[in-house]
Amino acid sequence: MGAVLGLVALLGVGIAGVYAVSAFLAPRGVVQVRPFLSGARAREHAMSRFHVRWYAVTLIFLAFDMEMIFMYPWAVVVADLGPMAVVEMFLFLGLLLVGVLYAWREGAFRWA
């Protein structure tokens, strides 16, 4: 019990120390520097609207991202699970292919 209380006390001292260093090193007054976007000044507001086609591109990216998230662990255990795991992965990829074909038909891959 004493070790736990000592650890909690050490944690409290560490947090107080971080706040003290931050208060000591923080700039005083109002900072007049504007945020930068990749080294250049922002030309539009952060809450500006995007064209609707970028939402379809985002969904396609997420579909491929989810594919990779599921394929890496699957590749590790596929030898242990056998042929049924291969069938399940092809069904999953087929479902994703249906989504990509739908996006293609709707024009999500047209950039102009």
PDB file of N, CA and C in Angstrom:
ATOM      1  N   MET A   1       0.830  -1.198   0.000  1.00  0.00           N
ATOM      2  CA  MET A   1       0.000   0.000   0.000  1.00  0.00           C
ATOM      3  C   MET A   1       0.867   1.252   0.000  1.00  0.00           C
ATOM      4  N   GLY A   2       1.973   1.187   0.748  1.00  0.00           N
ATOM      5  CA  GLY A   2       2.880   2.341   0.813  1.00  0.00           C
ATOM      6  C   GLY A   2       3.528   2.630  -0.530  1.00  0.00           C
ATOM      7  N   ALA A   3       3.810   1.554  -1.301  1.00  0.00           N
ATOM      8  CA  ALA A   3       4.421   1.740  -2.620  1.00  0.00           C
ATOM      9  C   ALA A   3       3.450   2.433  -3.573  1.00  0.00           C
ATOM     10  N   VAL A   4       2.175   2.076  -3.485  1.00  0.00           N
ATOM     11  CA  VAL A   4       1.163   2.691  -4.348  1.00  0.00           C
ATOM     12  C   VAL A   4       1.012   4.169  -4.007  1.00  0.00           C
ATOM     13  N   LEU A   5       0.958   4.489  -2.707  1.00  0.00           N
ATOM     14  CA  LEU A   5       0.858   5.892  -2.309  1.00  0.00           C
ATOM     15  C   LEU A   5       2.093   6.677  -2.720  1.00  0.00           C
ATOM     16  N   GLY A   6       3.258   6.056  -2.607  1.00  0.00           N
ATOM     17  CA  GLY A   6       4.490   6.710  -3.056  1.00  0.00           C
ATOM     18  C   GLY A   6       4.467   6.975  -4.556  1.00  0.00           C
ATOM     19  N   LEU A   7       3.969   6.009  -5.335  1.00  0.00           N
ATOM     20  CA  LEU A   7       3.861   6.183  -6.777  1.00  0.00           C
ATOM     21  C   LEU A   7       2.877   7.285  -7.131  1.00  0.00           C
ATOM     22  N   VAL A   8       1.749   7.351  -6.435  1.00  0.00           N
ATOM     23  CA  VAL A   8       0.766   8.409  -6.681  1.00  0.00           C
ATOM     24  C   VAL A   8       1.350   9.764  -6.318  1.00  0.00           C
ATOM     25  N   ALA A   9       2.102   9.834  -5.207  1.00  0.00           N
ATOM     26  CA  ALA A   9       2.749  11.093  -4.827  1.00  0.00           C
ATOM     27  C   ALA A   9       3.779  11.507  -5.864  1.00  0.00           C
ATOM     28  N   LEU A  10       4.572  10.554  -6.359  1.00  0.00           N
ATOM     29  CA  LEU A  10       5.561  10.855  -7.394  1.00  0.00           C
ATOM     30  C   LEU A  10       4.875  11.333  -8.669  1.00  0.00           C
ATOM     31  N   LEU A  11       3.764  10.729  -9.009  1.00  0.00           N
ATOM     32  CA  LEU A  11       2.992  11.156 -10.175  1.00  0.00           C
ATOM     33  C   LEU A  11       2.480  12.575 -10.000  1.00  0.00           C
ATOM     34  N   GLY A  12       1.968  12.903  -8.815  1.00  0.00           N
ATOM     35  CA  GLY A  12       1.491  14.256  -8.547  1.00  0.00           C
ATOM     36  C   GLY A  12       2.608  15.289  -8.634  1.00  0.00           C
ATOM     37  N   VAL A  13       3.785  14.953  -8.097  1.00  0.00           N
ATOM     38  CA  VAL A  13       4.929  15.866  -8.184  1.00  0.00           C
ATOM     39  C   VAL A  13       5.357  16.046  -9.635  1.00  0.00           C
ATOM     40  N   GLY A  14       5.334  14.967 -10.402  1.00  0.00           N
ATOM     41  CA  GLY A  14       5.699  15.071 -11.824  1.00  0.00           C
ATOM     42  C   GLY A  14       4.743  15.956 -12.597  1.00  0.00           C
ATOM     43  N   ILE A  15       3.459  15.786 -12.369  1.00  0.00           N
ATOM     44  CA  ILE A  15       2.462  16.615 -13.061  1.00  0.00           C
ATOM     45  C   ILE A  15       2.602  18.073 -12.659  1.00  0.00           C
ATOM     46  N   ALA A  16       2.782  18.330 -11.347  1.00  0.00           N
ATOM     47  CA  ALA A  16       2.973  19.709 -10.896  1.00  0.00           C
ATOM     48  C   ALA A  16       4.240  20.304 -11.498  1.00  0.00           C
ATOM     49  N   GLY A  17       5.282  19.497 -11.648  1.00  0.00           N
ATOM     50  CA  GLY A  17       6.521  19.974 -12.258  1.00  0.00           C
ATOM     51  C   GLY A  17       6.337  20.347 -13.719  1.00  0.00           C
ATOM     52  N   VAL A  18       5.594  19.537 -14.437  1.00  0.00           N
ATOM     53  CA  VAL A  18       5.347  19.835 -15.857  1.00  0.00           C
ATOM     54  C   VAL A  18       4.561  21.143 -15.986  1.00  0.00           C
ATOM     55  N   TYR A  19       3.559  21.333 -15.141  1.00  0.00           N
ATOM     56  CA  TYR A  19       2.804  22.585 -15.173  1.00  0.00           C
ATOM     57  C   TYR A  19       3.679  23.775 -14.807  1.00  0.00           C
ATOM     58  N   ALA A  20       4.581  23.603 -13.837  1.00  0.00           N
ATOM     59  CA  ALA A  20       5.469  24.697 -13.433  1.00  0.00           C
ATOM     60  C   ALA A  20       6.423  25.071 -14.562  1.00  0.00           C
ATOM     61  N   VAL A  21       6.995  24.086 -15.229  1.00  0.00           N
ATOM     62  CA  VAL A  21       7.892  24.367 -16.355  1.00  0.00           C
ATOM     63  C   VAL A  21       7.124  25.046 -17.475  1.00  0.00           C
ATOM     64  N   SER A  22       5.905  24.585 -17.743  1.00  0.00           N
ATOM     65  CA  SER A  22       5.089  25.201 -18.787  1.00  0.00           C
ATOM     66  C   SER A  22       4.782  26.654 -18.462  1.00  0.00           C
ATOM     67  N   ALA A  23       4.422  26.936 -17.209  1.00  0.00           N
ATOM     68  CA  ALA A  23       4.127  28.320 -16.812  1.00  0.00           C
ATOM     69  C   ALA A  23       5.370  29.192 -16.904  1.00  0.00           C
ATOM     70  N   PHE A  24       6.527  28.628 -16.621  1.00  0.00           N
ATOM     71  CA  PHE A  24       7.774  29.393 -16.666  1.00  0.00           C
ATOM     72  C   PHE A  24       8.203  29.689 -18.105  1.00  0.00           C
ATOM     73  N   LEU A  25       8.032  28.733 -19.012  1.00  0.00           N
ATOM     74  CA  LEU A  25       8.512  28.880 -20.379  1.00  0.00           C
ATOM     75  C   LEU A  25       7.476  29.437 -21.350  1.00  0.00           C
ATOM     76  N   ALA A  26       6.222  29.519 -20.956  1.00  0.00           N
ATOM     77  CA  ALA A  26       5.167  29.978 -21.860  1.00  0.00           C
ATOM     78  C   ALA A  26       5.359  31.454 -22.203  1.00  0.00           C
ATOM     79  N   PRO A  27       5.055  31.835 -23.443  1.00  0.00           N
ATOM     80  CA  PRO A  27       5.178  33.245 -23.811  1.00  0.00           C
ATOM     81  C   PRO A  27       4.162  34.098 -23.070  1.00  0.00           C
ATOM     82  N   ARG A  28       4.549  35.310 -22.778  1.00  0.00           N
ATOM     83  CA  ARG A  28       3.672  36.237 -22.057  1.00  0.00           C
ATOM     84  C   ARG A  28       2.905  37.098 -23.058  1.00  0.00           C
ATOM     85  N   GLY A  29       1.688  37.447 -22.749  1.00  0.00           N
ATOM     86  CA  GLY A  29       0.897  38.314 -23.615  1.00  0.00           C
ATOM     87  C   GLY A  29       0.249  37.531 -24.742  1.00  0.00           C
ATOM     88  N   VAL A  30      -0.316  38.255 -25.697  1.00  0.00           N
ATOM     89  CA  VAL A  30      -1.015  37.657 -26.827  1.00  0.00           C
ATOM     90  C   VAL A  30      -0.009  37.347 -27.927  1.00  0.00           C
ATOM     91  N   VAL A  31      -0.045  36.154 -28.423  1.00  0.00           N
ATOM     92  CA  VAL A  31       0.845  35.751 -29.505  1.00  0.00           C
ATOM     93  C   VAL A  31       0.250  36.234 -30.821  1.00  0.00           C
ATOM     94  N   GLN A  32       1.030  36.913 -31.639  1.00  0.00           N
ATOM     95  CA  GLN A  32       0.539  37.509 -32.885  1.00  0.00           C
ATOM     96  C   GLN A  32       0.819  36.641 -34.112  1.00  0.00           C
ATOM     97  N   VAL A  33       1.281  35.447 -33.939  1.00  0.00           N
ATOM     98  CA  VAL A  33       1.606  34.577 -35.061  1.00  0.00           C
ATOM     99  C   VAL A  33       0.359  33.805 -35.472  1.00  0.00           C
ATOM    100  N   ARG A  34       0.071  33.784 -36.764  1.00  0.00           N
ATOM    101  CA  ARG A  34      -1.071  33.057 -37.296  1.00  0.00           C
ATOM    102  C   ARG A  34      -0.664  31.614 -37.596  1.00  0.00           C
ATOM    103  N   PRO A  35      -1.593  30.682 -37.630  1.00  0.00           N
ATOM    104  CA  PRO A  35      -1.245  29.290 -37.946  1.00  0.00           C
ATOM    105  C   PRO A  35      -0.789  29.157 -39.394  1.00  0.00           C
ATOM    106  N   PHE A  36       0.123  28.228 -39.629  1.00  0.00           N
ATOM    107  CA  PHE A  36       0.656  27.972 -40.960  1.00  0.00           C
ATOM    108  C   PHE A  36       0.149  26.631 -41.461  1.00  0.00           C
ATOM    109  N   LEU A  37       0.040  26.514 -42.768  1.00  0.00           N
ATOM    110  CA  LEU A  37      -0.381  25.280 -43.404  1.00  0.00           C
ATOM    111  C   LEU A  37       0.749  24.807 -44.297  1.00  0.00           C
ATOM    112  N   SER A  38       1.516  23.847 -43.858  1.00  0.00           N
ATOM    113  CA  SER A  38       2.661  23.321 -44.602  1.00  0.00           C
ATOM    114  C   SER A  38       3.645  24.421 -44.952  1.00  0.00           C
ATOM    115  N   GLY A  39       3.859  25.349 -44.059  1.00  0.00           N
ATOM    116  CA  GLY A  39       4.836  26.406 -44.274  1.00  0.00           C
ATOM    117  C   GLY A  39       4.281  27.651 -44.926  1.00  0.00           C
ATOM    118  N   ALA A  40       3.045  27.644 -45.364  1.00  0.00           N
ATOM    119  CA  ALA A  40       2.444  28.808 -46.011  1.00  0.00           C
ATOM    120  C   ALA A  40       1.255  29.284 -45.186  1.00  0.00           C
ATOM    121  N   ARG A  41       0.951  30.557 -45.297  1.00  0.00           N
ATOM    122  CA  ARG A  41      -0.209  31.081 -44.580  1.00  0.00           C
ATOM    123  C   ARG A  41      -1.497  30.499 -45.157  1.00  0.00           C
ATOM    124  N   ALA A  42      -2.429  30.214 -44.281  1.00  0.00           N
ATOM    125  CA  ALA A  42      -3.708  29.645 -44.718  1.00  0.00           C
ATOM    126  C   ALA A  42      -4.481  30.685 -45.530  1.00  0.00           C
ATOM    127  N   ARG A  43      -5.062  30.247 -46.652  1.00  0.00           N
ATOM    128  CA  ARG A  43      -5.825  31.146 -47.514  1.00  0.00           C
ATOM    129  C   ARG A  43      -7.312  31.065 -47.267  1.00  0.00           C
ATOM    130  N   GLU A  44      -7.746  30.088 -46.487  1.00  0.00           N
ATOM    131  CA  GLU A  44      -9.169  29.931 -46.228  1.00  0.00           C
ATOM    132  C   GLU A  44      -9.380  29.528 -44.777  1.00  0.00           C
ATOM    133  N   HIS A  45     -10.581  29.640 -44.327  1.00  0.00           N
ATOM    134  CA  HIS A  45     -10.912  29.316 -42.954  1.00  0.00           C
ATOM    135  C   HIS A  45     -10.852  27.805 -42.748  1.00  0.00           C
ATOM    136  N   ALA A  46     -10.541  27.385 -41.554  1.00  0.00           N
ATOM    137  CA  ALA A  46     -10.429  25.955 -41.261  1.00  0.00           C
ATOM    138  C   ALA A  46     -11.764  25.228 -41.413  1.00  0.00           C
ATOM    139  N   MET A  47     -12.864  25.937 -41.269  1.00  0.00           N
ATOM    140  CA  MET A  47     -14.182  25.312 -41.384  1.00  0.00           C
ATOM    141  C   MET A  47     -14.791  25.498 -42.780  1.00  0.00           C
ATOM    142  N   SER A  48     -13.944  25.769 -43.778  1.00  0.00           N
ATOM    143  CA  SER A  48     -14.475  25.972 -45.126  1.00  0.00           C
ATOM    144  C   SER A  48     -15.043  24.667 -45.679  1.00  0.00           C
ATOM    145  N   ARG A  49     -15.880  24.786 -46.678  1.00  0.00           N
ATOM    146  CA  ARG A  49     -16.544  23.623 -47.248  1.00  0.00           C
ATOM    147  C   ARG A  49     -15.712  23.011 -48.352  1.00  0.00           C
ATOM    148  N   PHE A  50     -15.848  21.711 -48.509  1.00  0.00           N
ATOM    149  CA  PHE A  50     -15.176  20.978 -49.562  1.00  0.00           C
ATOM    150  C   PHE A  50     -16.207  20.565 -50.603  1.00  0.00           C
ATOM    151  N   HIS A  51     -15.723  20.305 -51.819  1.00  0.00           N
ATOM    152  CA  HIS A  51     -16.609  19.829 -52.861  1.00  0.00           C
ATOM    153  C   HIS A  51     -17.108  18.442 -52.477  1.00  0.00           C
ATOM    154  N   VAL A  52     -18.319  18.121 -52.861  1.00  0.00           N
ATOM    155  CA  VAL A  52     -18.961  16.882 -52.441  1.00  0.00           C
ATOM    156  C   VAL A  52     -18.220  15.653 -52.963  1.00  0.00           C
ATOM    157  N   ARG A  53     -17.471  15.750 -54.064  1.00  0.00           N
ATOM    158  CA  ARG A  53     -16.784  14.575 -54.598  1.00  0.00           C
ATOM    159  C   ARG A  53     -15.699  14.072 -53.651  1.00  0.00           C
ATOM    160  N   TRP A  54     -15.176  14.920 -52.767  1.00  0.00           N
ATOM    161  CA  TRP A  54     -14.125  14.491 -51.854  1.00  0.00           C
ATOM    162  C   TRP A  54     -14.671  13.543 -50.794  1.00  0.00           C
ATOM    163  N   TYR A  55     -15.955  13.589 -50.521  1.00  0.00           N
ATOM    164  CA  TYR A  55     -16.532  12.659 -49.567  1.00  0.00           C
ATOM    165  C   TYR A  55     -16.522  11.241 -50.140  1.00  0.00           C
ATOM    166  N   ALA A  56     -16.801  11.097 -51.422  1.00  0.00           N
ATOM    167  CA  ALA A  56     -16.738   9.771 -52.055  1.00  0.00           C
ATOM    168  C   ALA A  56     -15.302   9.260 -52.059  1.00  0.00           C
ATOM    169  N   VAL A  57     -14.350  10.136 -52.330  1.00  0.00           N
ATOM    170  CA  VAL A  57     -12.943   9.737 -52.300  1.00  0.00           C
ATOM    171  C   VAL A  57     -12.554   9.287 -50.895  1.00  0.00           C
ATOM    172  N   THR A  58     -13.056   9.978 -49.891  1.00  0.00           N
ATOM    173  CA  THR A  58     -12.772   9.608 -48.512  1.00  0.00           C
ATOM    174  C   THR A  58     -13.337   8.227 -48.190  1.00  0.00           C
ATOM    175  N   LEU A  59     -14.544   7.941 -48.659  1.00  0.00           N
ATOM    176  CA  LEU A  59     -15.140   6.631 -48.404  1.00  0.00           C
ATOM    177  C   LEU A  59     -14.360   5.518 -49.104  1.00  0.00           C
ATOM    178  N   ILE A  60     -13.864   5.792 -50.303  1.00  0.00           N
ATOM    179  CA  ILE A  60     -13.050   4.790 -51.004  1.00  0.00           C
ATOM    180  C   ILE A  60     -11.755   4.544 -50.239  1.00  0.00           C
ATOM    181  N   PHE A  61     -11.132   5.629 -49.766  1.00  0.00           N
ATOM    182  CA  PHE A  61      -9.919   5.476 -48.967  1.00  0.00           C
ATOM    183  C   PHE A  61     -10.193   4.633 -47.723  1.00  0.00           C
ATOM    184  N   LEU A  62     -11.306   4.898 -47.044  1.00  0.00           N
ATOM    185  CA  LEU A  62     -11.630   4.129 -45.850  1.00  0.00           C
ATOM    186  C   LEU A  62     -11.878   2.663 -46.169  1.00  0.00           C
ATOM    187  N   ALA A  63     -12.475   2.382 -47.322  1.00  0.00           N
ATOM    188  CA  ALA A  63     -12.702   0.988 -47.704  1.00  0.00           C
ATOM    189  C   ALA A  63     -11.372   0.268 -47.874  1.00  0.00           C
ATOM    190  N   PHE A  64     -10.422   0.894 -48.564  1.00  0.00           N
ATOM    191  CA  PHE A  64      -9.124   0.257 -48.755  1.00  0.00           C
ATOM    192  C   PHE A  64      -8.335   0.212 -47.447  1.00  0.00           C
ATOM    193  N   ASP A  65      -8.525   1.197 -46.596  1.00  0.00           N
ATOM    194  CA  ASP A  65      -7.860   1.209 -45.306  1.00  0.00           C
ATOM    195  C   ASP A  65      -8.366   0.057 -44.442  1.00  0.00           C
ATOM    196  N   MET A  66      -9.662  -0.161 -44.419  1.00  0.00           N
ATOM    197  CA  MET A  66     -10.220  -1.272 -43.654  1.00  0.00           C
ATOM    198  C   MET A  66      -9.756  -2.611 -44.223  1.00  0.00           C
ATOM    199  N   GLU A  67      -9.598  -2.662 -45.536  1.00  0.00           N
ATOM    200  CA  GLU A  67      -9.104  -3.891 -46.152  1.00  0.00           C
ATOM    201  C   GLU A  67      -7.731  -4.238 -45.602  1.00  0.00           C
ATOM    202  N   MET A  68      -6.855  -3.249 -45.534  1.00  0.00           N
ATOM    203  CA  MET A  68      -5.508  -3.508 -45.037  1.00  0.00           C
ATOM    204  C   MET A  68      -5.511  -3.846 -43.546  1.00  0.00           C
ATOM    205  N   ILE A  69      -6.380  -3.196 -42.784  1.00  0.00           N
ATOM    206  CA  ILE A  69      -6.443  -3.477 -41.346  1.00  0.00           C
ATOM    207  C   ILE A  69      -6.844  -4.926 -41.096  1.00  0.00           C
ATOM    208  N   PHE A  70      -7.722  -5.469 -41.934  1.00  0.00           N
ATOM    209  CA  PHE A  70      -8.153  -6.851 -41.739  1.00  0.00           C
ATOM    210  C   PHE A  70      -7.203  -7.849 -42.394  1.00  0.00           C
ATOM    211  N   MET A  71      -6.470  -7.442 -43.432  1.00  0.00           N
ATOM    212  CA  MET A  71      -5.611  -8.401 -44.126  1.00  0.00           C
ATOM    213  C   MET A  71      -4.318  -8.692 -43.375  1.00  0.00           C
ATOM    214  N   TYR A  72      -3.766  -7.735 -42.649  1.00  0.00           N
ATOM    215  CA  TYR A  72      -2.511  -7.993 -41.939  1.00  0.00           C
ATOM    216  C   TYR A  72      -2.659  -9.082 -40.873  1.00  0.00           C
ATOM    217  N   PRO A  73      -3.626  -8.984 -39.969  1.00  0.00           N
ATOM    218  CA  PRO A  73      -3.764 -10.087 -38.997  1.00  0.00           C
ATOM    219  C   PRO A  73      -4.170 -11.399 -39.667  1.00  0.00           C
ATOM    220  N   TRP A  74      -4.953 -11.303 -40.723  1.00  0.00           N
ATOM    221  CA  TRP A  74      -5.379 -12.505 -41.429  1.00  0.00           C
ATOM    222  C   TRP A  74      -4.174 -13.222 -42.021  1.00  0.00           C
ATOM    223  N   ALA A  75      -3.221 -12.468 -42.563  1.00  0.00           N
ATOM    224  CA  ALA A  75      -2.039 -13.072 -43.171  1.00  0.00           C
ATOM    225  C   ALA A  75      -1.204 -13.814 -42.138  1.00  0.00           C
ATOM    226  N   VAL A  76      -1.270 -13.396 -40.890  1.00  0.00           N
ATOM    227  CA  VAL A  76      -0.500 -14.054 -39.846  1.00  0.00           C
ATOM    228  C   VAL A  76      -1.117 -15.405 -39.470  1.00  0.00           C
ATOM    229  N   VAL A  77      -2.439 -15.498 -39.472  1.00  0.00           N
ATOM    230  CA  VAL A  77      -3.092 -16.712 -38.979  1.00  0.00           C
ATOM    231  C   VAL A  77      -3.701 -17.571 -40.077  1.00  0.00           C
ATOM    232  N   VAL A  78      -3.552 -17.201 -41.338  1.00  0.00           N
ATOM    233  CA  VAL A  78      -4.226 -17.941 -42.406  1.00  0.00           C
ATOM    234  C   VAL A  78      -3.727 -19.380 -42.499  1.00  0.00           C
ATOM    235  N   ALA A  79      -2.458 -19.621 -42.235  1.00  0.00           N
ATOM    236  CA  ALA A  79      -1.936 -20.985 -42.318  1.00  0.00           C
ATOM    237  C   ALA A  79      -2.543 -21.870 -41.226  1.00  0.00           C
ATOM    238  N   ASP A  80      -2.828 -21.293 -40.068  1.00  0.00           N
ATOM    239  CA  ASP A  80      -3.415 -22.068 -38.980  1.00  0.00           C
ATOM    240  C   ASP A  80      -4.899 -22.330 -39.194  1.00  0.00           C
ATOM    241  N   LEU A  81      -5.586 -21.408 -39.845  1.00  0.00           N
ATOM    242  CA  LEU A  81      -7.042 -21.530 -40.007  1.00  0.00           C
ATOM    243  C   LEU A  81      -7.447 -22.384 -41.192  1.00  0.00           C
ATOM    244  N   GLY A  82      -6.603 -22.483 -42.195  1.00  0.00           N
ATOM    245  CA  GLY A  82      -6.892 -23.367 -43.319  1.00  0.00           C
ATOM    246  C   GLY A  82      -7.651 -22.696 -44.448  1.00  0.00           C
ATOM    247  N   PRO A  83      -8.214 -23.511 -45.342  1.00  0.00           N
ATOM    248  CA  PRO A  83      -8.848 -22.988 -46.548  1.00  0.00           C
ATOM    249  C   PRO A  83     -10.098 -22.143 -46.279  1.00  0.00           C
ATOM    250  N   MET A  84     -10.768 -22.367 -45.165  1.00  0.00           N
ATOM    251  CA  MET A  84     -11.962 -21.576 -44.874  1.00  0.00           C
ATOM    252  C   MET A  84     -11.602 -20.107 -44.687  1.00  0.00           C
ATOM    253  N   ALA A  85     -10.429 -19.831 -44.145  1.00  0.00           N
ATOM    254  CA  ALA A  85      -9.986 -18.441 -43.977  1.00  0.00           C
ATOM    255  C   ALA A  85      -9.766 -17.784 -45.332  1.00  0.00           C
ATOM    256  N   VAL A  86      -9.269 -18.529 -46.291  1.00  0.00           N
ATOM    257  CA  VAL A  86      -9.064 -17.983 -47.638  1.00  0.00           C
ATOM    258  C   VAL A  86     -10.407 -17.659 -48.276  1.00  0.00           C
ATOM    259  N   VAL A  87     -11.381 -18.545 -48.113  1.00  0.00           N
ATOM    260  CA  VAL A  87     -12.716 -18.301 -48.664  1.00  0.00           C
ATOM    261  C   VAL A  87     -13.335 -17.060 -48.024  1.00  0.00           C
ATOM    262  N   GLU A  88     -13.200 -16.935 -46.712  1.00  0.00           N
ATOM    263  CA  GLU A  88     -13.757 -15.766 -46.032  1.00  0.00           C
ATOM    264  C   GLU A  88     -13.098 -14.474 -46.503  1.00  0.00           C
ATOM    265  N   MET A  89     -11.786 -14.511 -46.724  1.00  0.00           N
ATOM    266  CA  MET A  89     -11.098 -13.293 -47.179  1.00  0.00           C
ATOM    267  C   MET A  89     -11.549 -12.927 -48.591  1.00  0.00           C
ATOM    268  N   PHE A  90     -11.737 -13.921 -49.459  1.00  0.00           N
ATOM    269  CA  PHE A  90     -12.200 -13.596 -50.804  1.00  0.00           C
ATOM    270  C   PHE A  90     -13.634 -13.063 -50.787  1.00  0.00           C
ATOM    271  N   LEU A  91     -14.460 -13.542 -49.868  1.00  0.00           N
ATOM    272  CA  LEU A  91     -15.799 -12.974 -49.727  1.00  0.00           C
ATOM    273  C   LEU A  91     -15.722 -11.521 -49.258  1.00  0.00           C
ATOM    274  N   PHE A  92     -14.838 -11.247 -48.320  1.00  0.00           N
ATOM    275  CA  PHE A  92     -14.644  -9.879 -47.836  1.00  0.00           C
ATOM    276  C   PHE A  92     -14.141  -8.974 -48.960  1.00  0.00           C
ATOM    277  N   LEU A  93     -13.154  -9.448 -49.724  1.00  0.00           N
ATOM    278  CA  LEU A  93     -12.637  -8.653 -50.839  1.00  0.00           C
ATOM    279  C   LEU A  93     -13.695  -8.459 -51.918  1.00  0.00           C
ATOM    280  N   GLY A  94     -14.542  -9.463 -52.127  1.00  0.00           N
ATOM    281  CA  GLY A  94     -15.622  -9.315 -53.090  1.00  0.00           C
ATOM    282  C   GLY A  94     -16.617  -8.247 -52.653  1.00  0.00           C
ATOM    283  N   LEU A  95     -16.906  -8.198 -51.372  1.00  0.00           N
ATOM    284  CA  LEU A  95     -17.801  -7.161 -50.855  1.00  0.00           C
ATOM    285  C   LEU A  95     -17.193  -5.771 -51.057  1.00  0.00           C
ATOM    286  N   LEU A  96     -15.898  -5.644 -50.787  1.00  0.00           N
ATOM    287  CA  LEU A  96     -15.239  -4.366 -51.036  1.00  0.00           C
ATOM    288  C   LEU A  96     -15.221  -4.026 -52.521  1.00  0.00           C
ATOM    289  N   LEU A  97     -15.047  -5.031 -53.371  1.00  0.00           N
ATOM    290  CA  LEU A  97     -15.048  -4.798 -54.814  1.00  0.00           C
ATOM    291  C   LEU A  97     -16.408  -4.283 -55.275  1.00  0.00           C
ATOM    292  N   VAL A  98     -17.485  -4.779 -54.692  1.00  0.00           N
ATOM    293  CA  VAL A  98     -18.823  -4.276 -55.020  1.00  0.00           C
ATOM    294  C   VAL A  98     -18.913  -2.792 -54.685  1.00  0.00           C
ATOM    295  N   GLY A  99     -18.374  -2.398 -53.531  1.00  0.00           N
ATOM    296  CA  GLY A  99     -18.370  -0.982 -53.161  1.00  0.00           C
ATOM    297  C   GLY A  99     -17.541  -0.129 -54.096  1.00  0.00           C
ATOM    298  N   VAL A 100     -16.391  -0.629 -54.521  1.00  0.00           N
ATOM    299  CA  VAL A 100     -15.541   0.118 -55.445  1.00  0.00           C
ATOM    300  C   VAL A 100     -16.204   0.228 -56.810  1.00  0.00           C
ATOM    301  N   LEU A 101     -16.825  -0.845 -57.274  1.00  0.00           N
ATOM    302  CA  LEU A 101     -17.520  -0.784 -58.564  1.00  0.00           C
ATOM    303  C   LEU A 101     -18.681   0.197 -58.518  1.00  0.00           C
ATOM    304  N   TYR A 102     -19.379   0.255 -57.396  1.00  0.00           N
ATOM    305  CA  TYR A 102     -20.457   1.226 -57.243  1.00  0.00           C
ATOM    306  C   TYR A 102     -19.904   2.655 -57.292  1.00  0.00           C
ATOM    307  N   ALA A 103     -18.801   2.886 -56.585  1.00  0.00           N
ATOM    308  CA  ALA A 103     -18.186   4.218 -56.594  1.00  0.00           C
ATOM    309  C   ALA A 103     -17.703   4.573 -57.997  1.00  0.00           C
ATOM    310  N   TRP A 104     -17.185   3.602 -58.724  1.00  0.00           N
ATOM    311  CA  TRP A 104     -16.722   3.844 -60.086  1.00  0.00           C
ATOM    312  C   TRP A 104     -17.909   4.215 -60.971  1.00  0.00           C
ATOM    313  N   ARG A 105     -19.006   3.483 -60.824  1.00  0.00           N
ATOM    314  CA  ARG A 105     -20.205   3.785 -61.622  1.00  0.00           C
ATOM    315  C   ARG A 105     -20.749   5.169 -61.321  1.00  0.00           C
ATOM    316  N   GLU A 106     -20.650   5.596 -60.060  1.00  0.00           N
ATOM    317  CA  GLU A 106     -21.143   6.914 -59.658  1.00  0.00           C
ATOM    318  C   GLU A 106     -20.186   8.035 -60.019  1.00  0.00           C
ATOM    319  N   GLY A 107     -18.998   7.701 -60.524  1.00  0.00           N
ATOM    320  CA  GLY A 107     -18.060   8.724 -60.966  1.00  0.00           C
ATOM    321  C   GLY A 107     -17.092   9.215 -59.903  1.00  0.00           C
ATOM    322  N   ALA A 108     -16.883   8.442 -58.858  1.00  0.00           N
ATOM    323  CA  ALA A 108     -15.982   8.887 -57.797  1.00  0.00           C
ATOM    324  C   ALA A 108     -14.528   8.908 -58.239  1.00  0.00           C
ATOM    325  N   PHE A 109     -14.198   8.216 -59.318  1.00  0.00           N
ATOM    326  CA  PHE A 109     -12.815   8.196 -59.782  1.00  0.00           C
ATOM    327  C   PHE A 109     -12.548   9.223 -60.873  1.00  0.00           C
ATOM    328  N   ARG A 110     -13.541  10.006 -61.255  1.00  0.00           N
ATOM    329  CA  ARG A 110     -13.323  11.091 -62.216  1.00  0.00           C
ATOM    330  C   ARG A 110     -12.810  12.303 -61.448  1.00  0.00           C
ATOM    331  N   TRP A 111     -11.636  12.782 -61.762  1.00  0.00           N
ATOM    332  CA  TRP A 111     -11.003  13.845 -60.986  1.00  0.00           C
ATOM    333  C   TRP A 111     -11.291  15.229 -61.541  1.00  0.00           C
ATOM    334  N   ALA A 112     -11.795  15.311 -62.741  1.00  0.00           N
ATOM    335  CA  ALA A 112     -12.018  16.641 -63.337  1.00  0.00           C
ATOM    336  C   ALA A 112     -13.488  16.994 -63.340  1.00  0.00           C
TER     337      ALA A 112
END
